[in-house]
Amino acid sequence: MQKRVEKEWLFALLAVLVLGGSILEEIIVIIVPLSLVIIIVNFIPKKGIFFEFLGGKNGLKKLVEFSMGLILLTLLVAFAEMPTNVFVVSSILVGGTYIIEKVMLVRDISPIQEIAGFVVGAWFLGTFGQIVIMINGAQIGTSRVVFFAVIGGLIVALFREGLIRKNRTLSMLIVALVLWVLSIPEPAYLDIIPQKLMIGIGIAGGLGYISWRVGAASVTGMLTGIVFSLVVIVFGGFGWFSIMLVFFGGGSLVTRLNYKGKSERGVAEENEGAREAKNVLANTMIAVLCVVGFSMNTQLMINENIFVFAFAGAIAAAMSDTLSSEIGILFENTRLITTFDKVERGTDGGITLQGSLAGIIGAFFIGALASLVLGIGMDGAIIIGIAGVMGMFGDSILGASLEDKWIGNEGVNFMATLIGSITSIVGAILVGIVIL
């Protein structure tokens, strides 16, 4: 680790130049020529002191990837009006990834301490970068600075063991695009009360740690859950978050229910039931996008209740599908939903009476909770419950017909939440709760 980290000063140097270009408002003039030179250097003979100085073949490859990322982000700032602070946070965090690690490697620490230290270090880097560009008069706001630094740090922490080492260009683009989307809502939604933001960070981080500690989530699942939870709290509020929290908690509990028996039968979730990042993304991506859309409703000129019903419908579908699957596999008499032929437990598309009843209860429970905290009334609760059930059966139909042929389990789960979301919107429109 130490040897690899020693070469990372070049990335830090480029990140400093990013700050310089941002302050001088000459990003293209400073960044693009330098990055092009580095890319051209890639074609020089791969030998000699200069080549070793750049970190050898592998080091030069990573430097070229980073330079390409800088060029792409620079062009987005110059011609697509991407916020400069988004550019700075993305560049400085990806560029400083292993510099942060070097600081932490002074002693042996546990994996969770390493993650925590990395996120804190990334937060300092991201915050420092944004404060520096404010010297030139950029209006960002204290809460926004903290929010973007925290989200950026969490995403980079999630990527650092995989994507960043494989492709820094793609890493920078993903971080920048996520932060760019989160910067689109009107300023009022990002002028967060500092106390609320800090409470949100504390709750999201604390619950994420607990989920990892009890084995409900892996490290990647924990980080993804923290990011999503913080976004929901900031753009929606604690009421929206409570609905998602019920799903996270309920889903984890039923996944662990009689896990030993499920494992012996070969139908248990992988990784001892701990949710990976892909599981969190599949089940809650639609809901999180709906929360961000809700904060943009005046800009999009869309009735805000559309996003309310879409969010609740997606969570209801995820809850219904999880309960039906995890409880259904505990019982015999599993039948394929498309033909009703008897199949083995755990078969894709297989359903049981007990599992289906559990899924129905879960969907309507989310509907009732949404009615209580989001103020959509009893009619709205029924619509959301029906939407959740539709998502559950949609998941089974897709599992029987497409899973392991065209899409994987996560893809099926994602489609189920999409079905629940769309069904919820259509139902609300048909009964007149939502007027276009």
Protein backbone atom coordinates (compact mmCIF):
# COMPACT_ATOMS: atom_id res chain seq x y z
CA MET A 1 0.00 0.00 0.00
CA GLN A 2 2.71 2.46 1.02
CA LYS A 3 4.69 1.99 -2.19
CA ARG A 4 1.63 2.58 -4.34
CA VAL A 5 0.65 5.64 -2.36
CA GLU A 6 4.06 7.28 -2.81
CA LYS A 7 3.25 7.94 -6.50
CA GLU A 8 -0.03 9.67 -5.73
CA TRP A 9 1.48 13.14 -5.29
CA LEU A 10 1.02 13.73 -9.04
CA PHE A 11 -2.74 13.43 -8.68
CA ALA A 12 -2.68 15.81 -5.73
CA LEU A 13 -0.65 18.29 -7.80
CA LEU A 14 -3.25 18.19 -10.59
CA ALA A 15 -6.00 18.67 -8.02
CA VAL A 16 -4.21 21.80 -6.76
CA LEU A 17 -4.08 23.12 -10.33
CA VAL A 18 -7.83 22.52 -10.53
CA LEU A 19 -8.25 24.86 -7.58
CA GLY A 20 -5.96 27.41 -9.21
CA GLY A 21 -7.93 27.32 -12.44
CA SER A 22 -11.19 27.68 -10.55
CA ILE A 23 -9.97 30.73 -8.62
CA LEU A 24 -8.66 32.43 -11.76
CA GLU A 25 -11.79 31.53 -13.74
CA GLU A 26 -9.51 30.18 -16.44
CA ILE A 27 -10.28 26.50 -16.06
CA ILE A 28 -9.98 25.66 -19.76
CA VAL A 29 -6.78 27.63 -20.26
CA ILE A 30 -5.02 25.97 -17.32
CA ILE A 31 -6.44 22.45 -17.13
CA VAL A 32 -6.97 21.36 -20.75
CA PRO A 33 -3.45 22.05 -22.12
CA LEU A 34 -1.78 20.41 -19.14
CA SER A 35 -4.03 17.37 -19.33
CA LEU A 36 -3.40 17.05 -23.07
CA VAL A 37 0.35 17.12 -22.44
CA ILE A 38 0.00 14.29 -19.93
CA ILE A 39 -2.06 12.28 -22.40
CA ILE A 40 0.53 12.86 -25.14
CA VAL A 41 3.29 11.74 -22.75
CA ASN A 42 1.53 8.38 -22.75
CA PHE A 43 2.92 7.79 -26.23
CA ILE A 44 6.59 8.33 -25.33
CA PRO A 45 8.88 5.29 -25.00
CA LYS A 46 7.96 3.35 -21.86
CA LYS A 47 11.40 3.39 -20.31
CA GLY A 48 13.89 5.64 -18.60
CA ILE A 49 13.98 7.80 -15.47
CA PHE A 50 11.16 10.08 -16.62
CA PHE A 51 8.89 7.12 -17.17
CA GLU A 52 9.67 5.76 -13.69
CA PHE A 53 9.17 9.27 -12.29
CA LEU A 54 5.56 9.15 -13.55
CA GLY A 55 4.95 5.85 -11.77
CA GLY A 56 5.71 3.33 -14.48
CA LYS A 57 3.24 1.92 -16.97
CA ASN A 58 0.42 1.49 -14.48
CA GLY A 59 0.99 4.90 -12.90
CA LEU A 60 0.99 6.65 -16.27
CA LYS A 61 -2.21 4.87 -17.27
CA LYS A 62 -3.97 6.14 -14.15
CA LEU A 63 -2.58 9.64 -14.68
CA VAL A 64 -3.92 9.67 -18.25
CA GLU A 65 -7.34 8.52 -17.01
CA PHE A 66 -7.37 11.29 -14.43
CA SER A 67 -6.34 13.86 -17.04
CA MET A 68 -9.10 12.74 -19.39
CA GLY A 69 -11.56 13.11 -16.56
CA LEU A 70 -10.32 16.64 -15.89
CA ILE A 71 -10.81 17.58 -19.54
CA LEU A 72 -14.36 16.20 -19.64
CA LEU A 73 -15.37 17.96 -16.42
CA THR A 74 -13.73 21.19 -17.59
CA LEU A 75 -15.78 21.11 -20.77
CA LEU A 76 -18.96 20.49 -18.75
CA VAL A 77 -18.19 23.54 -16.61
CA ALA A 78 -17.39 25.72 -19.60
CA PHE A 79 -20.16 24.68 -21.98
CA ALA A 80 -22.86 22.92 -19.94
CA GLU A 81 -22.81 25.20 -16.87
CA MET A 82 -21.90 22.50 -14.39
CA PRO A 83 -21.29 24.25 -11.03
CA THR A 84 -17.63 24.93 -10.38
CA ASN A 85 -17.82 23.56 -6.84
CA VAL A 86 -19.07 20.23 -8.22
CA PHE A 87 -16.06 20.15 -10.55
CA VAL A 88 -13.69 20.96 -7.70
CA VAL A 89 -15.14 18.40 -5.27
CA SER A 90 -15.11 15.60 -7.86
CA SER A 91 -11.56 16.32 -9.02
CA ILE A 92 -9.96 16.89 -5.66
CA LEU A 93 -11.56 13.82 -4.05
CA VAL A 94 -10.70 11.37 -6.83
CA GLY A 95 -7.24 12.92 -7.13
CA GLY A 96 -6.60 12.83 -3.41
CA THR A 97 -7.96 9.35 -2.69
CA TYR A 98 -4.68 7.67 -1.85
CA ILE A 99 -3.18 10.76 -0.24
CA ILE A 100 -5.96 10.44 2.34
CA GLU A 101 -5.13 6.76 2.71
CA LYS A 102 -1.47 7.53 3.29
CA VAL A 103 -2.38 9.71 6.25
CA MET A 104 -4.43 6.87 7.71
CA LEU A 105 -1.83 4.16 7.21
CA VAL A 106 0.33 5.29 10.11
CA ARG A 107 -1.11 2.48 12.23
CA ASP A 108 -3.24 -0.62 11.96
CA ILE A 109 -6.96 0.11 12.17
CA SER A 110 -10.14 -1.87 11.61
CA PRO A 111 -11.96 -1.70 8.24
CA ILE A 112 -14.77 0.44 9.65
CA GLN A 113 -12.26 2.84 11.24
CA GLU A 114 -10.49 3.04 7.89
CA ILE A 115 -13.75 3.93 6.14
CA ALA A 116 -14.62 6.52 8.79
CA GLY A 117 -11.16 8.06 8.59
CA PHE A 118 -11.31 8.16 4.82
CA VAL A 119 -14.72 9.86 4.78
CA VAL A 120 -13.59 12.44 7.33
CA GLY A 121 -10.43 13.12 5.32
CA ALA A 122 -12.45 13.42 2.11
CA TRP A 123 -14.85 15.80 3.84
CA PHE A 124 -11.94 18.06 4.81
CA LEU A 125 -10.56 18.01 1.27
CA GLY A 126 -13.95 18.65 -0.34
CA THR A 127 -14.77 21.43 2.11
CA PHE A 128 -11.37 23.07 1.70
CA GLY A 129 -11.66 23.03 -2.09
CA GLN A 130 -15.05 24.73 -2.06
CA ILE A 131 -13.96 27.33 0.48
CA VAL A 132 -10.96 28.20 -1.68
CA ILE A 133 -13.08 28.91 -4.76
CA MET A 134 -15.35 31.10 -2.63
CA ILE A 135 -12.39 33.49 -2.41
CA ASN A 136 -13.24 34.48 -5.95
CA GLY A 137 -16.81 35.34 -4.97
CA ALA A 138 -18.53 32.01 -5.67
CA GLN A 139 -21.80 31.90 -3.72
CA ILE A 140 -22.17 28.41 -2.31
CA GLY A 141 -23.31 28.68 1.30
CA THR A 142 -21.98 26.90 4.37
CA SER A 143 -24.59 24.13 4.41
CA ARG A 144 -24.08 23.39 0.73
CA VAL A 145 -20.32 23.19 1.20
CA VAL A 146 -20.78 20.61 3.96
CA PHE A 147 -23.46 18.67 2.08
CA PHE A 148 -21.50 18.32 -1.17
CA ALA A 149 -18.27 17.46 0.67
CA VAL A 150 -20.00 14.73 2.71
CA ILE A 151 -21.86 13.20 -0.24
CA GLY A 152 -18.75 13.36 -2.44
CA GLY A 153 -16.62 11.79 0.27
CA LEU A 154 -19.09 8.94 0.79
CA ILE A 155 -19.31 8.20 -2.94
CA VAL A 156 -15.53 8.19 -3.35
CA ALA A 157 -15.22 5.94 -0.28
CA LEU A 158 -17.68 3.58 -1.95
CA PHE A 159 -15.70 3.60 -5.21
CA ARG A 160 -12.14 3.63 -3.93
CA GLU A 161 -11.59 -0.14 -3.70
CA GLY A 162 -13.09 -0.87 -7.10
CA LEU A 163 -14.01 1.73 -9.66
CA ILE A 164 -11.35 4.34 -8.84
CA ARG A 165 -8.56 1.81 -9.18
CA LYS A 166 -10.02 0.52 -12.43
CA ASN A 167 -11.01 3.77 -14.16
CA ARG A 168 -10.52 7.25 -12.73
CA THR A 169 -12.19 8.93 -15.70
CA LEU A 170 -15.46 7.11 -15.06
CA SER A 171 -15.13 7.64 -11.30
CA MET A 172 -14.83 11.42 -11.70
CA LEU A 173 -17.76 11.54 -14.12
CA ILE A 174 -20.06 9.55 -11.83
CA VAL A 175 -19.20 11.61 -8.74
CA ALA A 176 -19.63 14.85 -10.70
CA LEU A 177 -22.94 13.82 -12.29
CA VAL A 178 -24.42 12.73 -8.95
CA LEU A 179 -23.43 16.01 -7.29
CA TRP A 180 -24.60 17.97 -10.34
CA VAL A 181 -28.06 16.41 -10.11
CA LEU A 182 -28.17 17.24 -6.40
CA SER A 183 -27.29 20.86 -7.20
CA ILE A 184 -30.18 21.36 -9.65
CA PRO A 185 -33.04 21.98 -7.17
CA GLU A 186 -33.76 25.60 -6.36
CA PRO A 187 -31.38 27.18 -3.84
CA ALA A 188 -34.01 27.06 -1.08
CA TYR A 189 -33.71 23.27 -0.94
CA LEU A 190 -29.96 23.39 -0.46
CA ASP A 191 -29.94 26.33 1.94
CA ILE A 192 -30.33 23.75 4.64
CA ILE A 193 -30.62 24.71 8.27
CA PRO A 194 -27.20 23.67 9.63
CA GLN A 195 -28.75 21.90 12.62
CA LYS A 196 -31.01 19.82 10.37
CA LEU A 197 -28.09 18.90 8.13
CA MET A 198 -25.92 17.83 11.04
CA ILE A 199 -28.79 15.84 12.57
CA GLY A 200 -29.32 14.18 9.20
CA ILE A 201 -25.63 13.29 8.93
CA GLY A 202 -25.69 11.91 12.47
CA ILE A 203 -28.82 9.82 11.90
CA ALA A 204 -27.77 8.49 8.48
CA GLY A 205 -24.25 7.71 9.66
CA GLY A 206 -25.35 6.20 12.96
CA LEU A 207 -27.98 3.94 11.42
CA GLY A 208 -25.58 2.97 8.65
CA TYR A 209 -22.99 1.90 11.22
CA ILE A 210 -25.60 -0.08 13.17
CA SER A 211 -26.73 -1.86 9.99
CA TRP A 212 -23.12 -2.90 9.33
CA ARG A 213 -22.52 -3.84 12.94
CA VAL A 214 -25.50 -6.19 13.16
CA GLY A 215 -24.72 -7.74 9.78
CA ALA A 216 -27.68 -6.22 7.93
CA ALA A 217 -25.42 -4.49 5.40
CA SER A 218 -21.94 -4.88 3.99
CA VAL A 219 -19.55 -1.93 3.91
CA THR A 220 -20.69 -0.99 0.39
CA GLY A 221 -24.33 -1.43 1.35
CA MET A 222 -23.77 0.73 4.42
CA LEU A 223 -22.16 3.55 2.42
CA THR A 224 -24.88 3.48 -0.25
CA GLY A 225 -27.56 3.50 2.42
CA ILE A 226 -25.97 6.50 4.16
CA VAL A 227 -25.82 8.47 0.89
CA PHE A 228 -29.46 7.70 0.05
CA SER A 229 -30.65 8.38 3.60
CA LEU A 230 -28.94 11.77 3.71
CA VAL A 231 -30.36 12.77 0.32
CA VAL A 232 -33.87 11.80 1.41
CA ILE A 233 -33.56 13.74 4.68
CA VAL A 234 -32.21 16.86 2.96
CA PHE A 235 -34.57 16.98 -0.02
CA GLY A 236 -37.64 15.39 1.50
CA GLY A 237 -37.48 15.50 5.26
CA PHE A 238 -37.61 13.15 8.21
CA GLY A 239 -41.14 12.02 7.31
CA TRP A 240 -39.99 10.69 3.93
CA PHE A 241 -36.95 9.15 5.58
CA SER A 242 -39.10 7.34 8.16
CA ILE A 243 -40.86 5.46 5.35
CA MET A 244 -37.58 4.37 3.79
CA LEU A 245 -36.23 3.46 7.23
CA VAL A 246 -39.19 1.16 7.87
CA PHE A 247 -38.37 -0.64 4.62
CA PHE A 248 -34.67 -0.95 5.48
CA GLY A 249 -35.45 -2.23 8.97
CA GLY A 250 -38.31 -4.52 8.02
CA GLY A 251 -36.45 -5.95 5.05
CA SER A 252 -33.39 -6.71 7.16
CA LEU A 253 -35.45 -8.40 9.86
CA VAL A 254 -37.30 -10.76 7.52
CA THR A 255 -34.09 -11.53 5.63
CA ARG A 256 -32.51 -12.70 8.89
CA LEU A 257 -35.68 -14.62 9.89
CA ASN A 258 -34.75 -18.31 10.21
CA TYR A 259 -31.64 -17.59 8.15
CA LYS A 260 -30.02 -20.85 9.20
CA GLY A 261 -32.94 -22.85 7.84
CA LYS A 262 -32.95 -20.88 4.60
CA SER A 263 -29.22 -21.43 4.24
CA GLU A 264 -29.55 -25.19 4.76
CA ARG A 265 -32.15 -25.32 2.00
CA GLY A 266 -29.95 -23.23 -0.30
CA VAL A 267 -32.46 -20.37 -0.63
CA ALA A 268 -30.89 -17.78 1.68
CA GLU A 269 -29.56 -14.42 0.53
CA GLU A 270 -25.83 -14.27 -0.18
CA ASN A 271 -23.29 -12.76 2.22
CA GLU A 272 -25.22 -13.99 5.28
CA GLY A 273 -28.11 -11.69 4.40
CA ALA A 274 -26.02 -8.50 4.45
CA ARG A 275 -27.25 -6.05 1.81
CA GLU A 276 -24.70 -5.01 -0.80
CA ALA A 277 -24.65 -1.70 -2.65
CA LYS A 278 -26.37 -3.34 -5.63
CA ASN A 279 -29.28 -4.44 -3.42
CA VAL A 280 -29.75 -0.95 -1.97
CA LEU A 281 -29.58 0.62 -5.43
CA ALA A 282 -32.09 -1.83 -6.92
CA ASN A 283 -34.66 -1.37 -4.17
CA THR A 284 -34.43 2.36 -3.44
CA MET A 285 -33.00 4.15 -6.50
CA ILE A 286 -36.45 5.03 -7.88
CA ALA A 287 -37.61 6.32 -4.49
CA VAL A 288 -34.54 8.53 -4.03
CA LEU A 289 -34.93 10.01 -7.51
CA CYS A 290 -38.55 10.79 -6.65
CA VAL A 291 -37.44 12.72 -3.56
CA VAL A 292 -35.02 14.81 -5.63
CA GLY A 293 -37.77 15.32 -8.22
CA PHE A 294 -40.11 16.50 -5.46
CA SER A 295 -37.62 19.24 -4.56
CA MET A 296 -37.54 20.29 -8.24
CA ASN A 297 -41.30 20.30 -8.84
CA THR A 298 -41.56 24.06 -9.45
CA GLN A 299 -38.69 23.93 -11.93
CA LEU A 300 -40.17 20.91 -13.69
CA MET A 301 -43.69 22.36 -13.43
CA ILE A 302 -45.03 19.00 -12.25
CA ASN A 303 -47.54 18.49 -9.46
CA GLU A 304 -45.49 17.65 -6.37
CA ASN A 305 -47.97 14.93 -5.34
CA ILE A 306 -46.87 12.90 -8.36
CA PHE A 307 -43.47 12.50 -6.72
CA VAL A 308 -45.08 11.75 -3.34
CA PHE A 309 -47.11 8.87 -4.77
CA ALA A 310 -44.22 7.67 -6.94
CA PHE A 311 -41.91 7.55 -3.90
CA ALA A 312 -44.40 5.74 -1.66
CA GLY A 313 -45.40 3.32 -4.44
CA ALA A 314 -41.77 2.36 -5.06
CA ILE A 315 -41.10 1.73 -1.36
CA ALA A 316 -44.37 -0.22 -1.01
CA ALA A 317 -43.36 -2.45 -3.93
CA ALA A 318 -39.88 -3.02 -2.47
CA MET A 319 -41.36 -3.84 0.95
CA SER A 320 -44.02 -6.12 -0.50
CA ASP A 321 -41.55 -7.99 -2.69
CA THR A 322 -39.04 -8.44 0.15
CA LEU A 323 -41.62 -9.74 2.61
CA SER A 324 -43.23 -12.09 0.10
CA SER A 325 -39.87 -13.53 -0.94
CA GLU A 326 -38.28 -13.93 2.48
CA ILE A 327 -41.40 -15.28 4.20
CA GLY A 328 -42.64 -17.29 1.23
CA ILE A 329 -39.49 -19.44 1.03
CA LEU A 330 -40.16 -20.66 4.57
CA PHE A 331 -43.23 -22.58 3.35
CA GLU A 332 -43.94 -25.47 1.02
CA ASN A 333 -46.35 -25.57 -1.92
CA THR A 334 -44.53 -23.01 -4.05
CA ARG A 335 -46.10 -22.44 -7.45
CA LEU A 336 -44.80 -20.65 -10.54
CA ILE A 337 -46.85 -17.50 -11.02
CA THR A 338 -47.09 -17.86 -14.81
CA THR A 339 -48.37 -21.47 -14.94
CA PHE A 340 -49.20 -22.30 -11.30
CA ASP A 341 -47.15 -25.48 -11.64
CA LYS A 342 -45.56 -26.67 -8.39
CA VAL A 343 -41.86 -25.76 -8.18
CA GLU A 344 -39.08 -25.93 -5.63
CA ARG A 345 -38.73 -23.23 -3.01
CA GLY A 346 -36.54 -20.37 -4.15
CA THR A 347 -37.42 -20.78 -7.83
CA ASP A 348 -37.51 -17.46 -9.67
CA GLY A 349 -41.15 -16.48 -10.09
CA GLY A 350 -42.35 -18.91 -7.44
CA ILE A 351 -45.05 -17.71 -5.03
CA THR A 352 -46.77 -19.06 -1.95
CA LEU A 353 -50.03 -18.10 -0.26
CA GLN A 354 -48.24 -17.16 2.95
CA GLY A 355 -45.64 -15.07 1.15
CA SER A 356 -48.25 -13.28 -0.91
CA LEU A 357 -50.29 -12.43 2.19
CA ALA A 358 -47.15 -11.10 3.90
CA GLY A 359 -46.40 -8.98 0.83
CA ILE A 360 -49.92 -7.57 0.76
CA ILE A 361 -49.73 -6.66 4.44
CA GLY A 362 -46.35 -4.99 3.90
CA ALA A 363 -47.58 -2.94 0.94
CA PHE A 364 -50.65 -1.63 2.76
CA PHE A 365 -48.59 -0.93 5.87
CA ILE A 366 -46.35 1.37 3.82
CA GLY A 367 -49.51 2.94 2.36
CA ALA A 368 -50.87 3.61 5.85
CA LEU A 369 -47.54 5.04 7.01
CA ALA A 370 -47.35 7.30 3.95
CA SER A 371 -50.89 8.49 4.65
CA LEU A 372 -49.87 9.36 8.18
CA VAL A 373 -46.58 11.17 7.54
CA LEU A 374 -47.10 12.57 4.03
CA GLY A 375 -50.75 13.57 4.43
CA ILE A 376 -52.23 11.81 1.40
CA GLY A 377 -55.40 10.50 3.04
CA MET A 378 -56.96 7.04 3.26
CA ASP A 379 -57.65 6.88 -0.49
CA GLY A 380 -53.98 7.54 -1.08
CA ALA A 381 -53.00 4.78 1.35
CA ILE A 382 -55.16 2.26 -0.53
CA ILE A 383 -53.70 3.30 -3.87
CA ILE A 384 -50.16 2.92 -2.58
CA GLY A 385 -50.99 -0.48 -1.07
CA ILE A 386 -52.42 -1.70 -4.39
CA ALA A 387 -49.38 -0.30 -6.23
CA GLY A 388 -47.06 -2.19 -3.89
CA VAL A 389 -48.92 -5.44 -4.50
CA MET A 390 -48.75 -4.85 -8.26
CA GLY A 391 -45.00 -4.38 -7.92
CA MET A 392 -44.73 -7.62 -5.95
CA PHE A 393 -46.59 -9.67 -8.57
CA GLY A 394 -44.73 -7.84 -11.34
CA ASP A 395 -41.47 -8.95 -9.73
CA SER A 396 -42.65 -12.57 -9.72
CA ILE A 397 -43.77 -12.45 -13.36
CA LEU A 398 -40.49 -10.89 -14.46
CA GLY A 399 -38.58 -13.40 -12.34
CA ALA A 400 -40.35 -16.30 -14.01
CA SER A 401 -39.94 -14.98 -17.53
CA LEU A 402 -36.77 -12.86 -17.68
CA GLU A 403 -34.53 -13.45 -14.65
CA ASP A 404 -31.22 -15.17 -15.45
CA LYS A 405 -32.12 -14.91 -19.13
CA TRP A 406 -32.14 -11.19 -19.83
CA ILE A 407 -31.71 -9.47 -16.47
CA GLY A 408 -30.45 -10.39 -13.02
CA ASN A 409 -32.19 -10.35 -9.65
CA GLU A 410 -31.29 -6.71 -8.99
CA GLY A 411 -32.72 -5.72 -12.37
CA VAL A 412 -35.98 -7.51 -11.55
CA ASN A 413 -36.17 -5.75 -8.17
CA PHE A 414 -35.56 -2.39 -9.82
CA MET A 415 -38.36 -3.05 -12.32
CA ALA A 416 -40.70 -4.03 -9.49
CA THR A 417 -40.17 -0.66 -7.77
CA LEU A 418 -40.70 1.08 -11.11
CA ILE A 419 -43.99 -0.80 -11.56
CA GLY A 420 -45.08 0.19 -8.05
CA SER A 421 -44.13 3.81 -8.67
CA ILE A 422 -45.96 4.09 -12.01
CA THR A 423 -49.03 2.23 -10.74
CA SER A 424 -49.23 4.56 -7.75
CA ILE A 425 -49.13 7.65 -9.98
CA VAL A 426 -51.75 6.29 -12.38
CA GLY A 427 -54.05 5.31 -9.51
CA ALA A 428 -53.77 8.74 -7.89
CA ILE A 429 -54.61 10.41 -11.20
CA LEU A 430 -57.58 8.12 -11.92
CA VAL A 431 -59.26 8.79 -8.57
CA GLY A 432 -58.58 12.50 -8.80
CA ILE A 433 -56.09 12.86 -5.94
CA VAL A 434 -53.47 14.13 -8.37
CA ILE A 435 -54.48 16.61 -11.06
CA LEU A 436 -52.08 17.08 -13.96
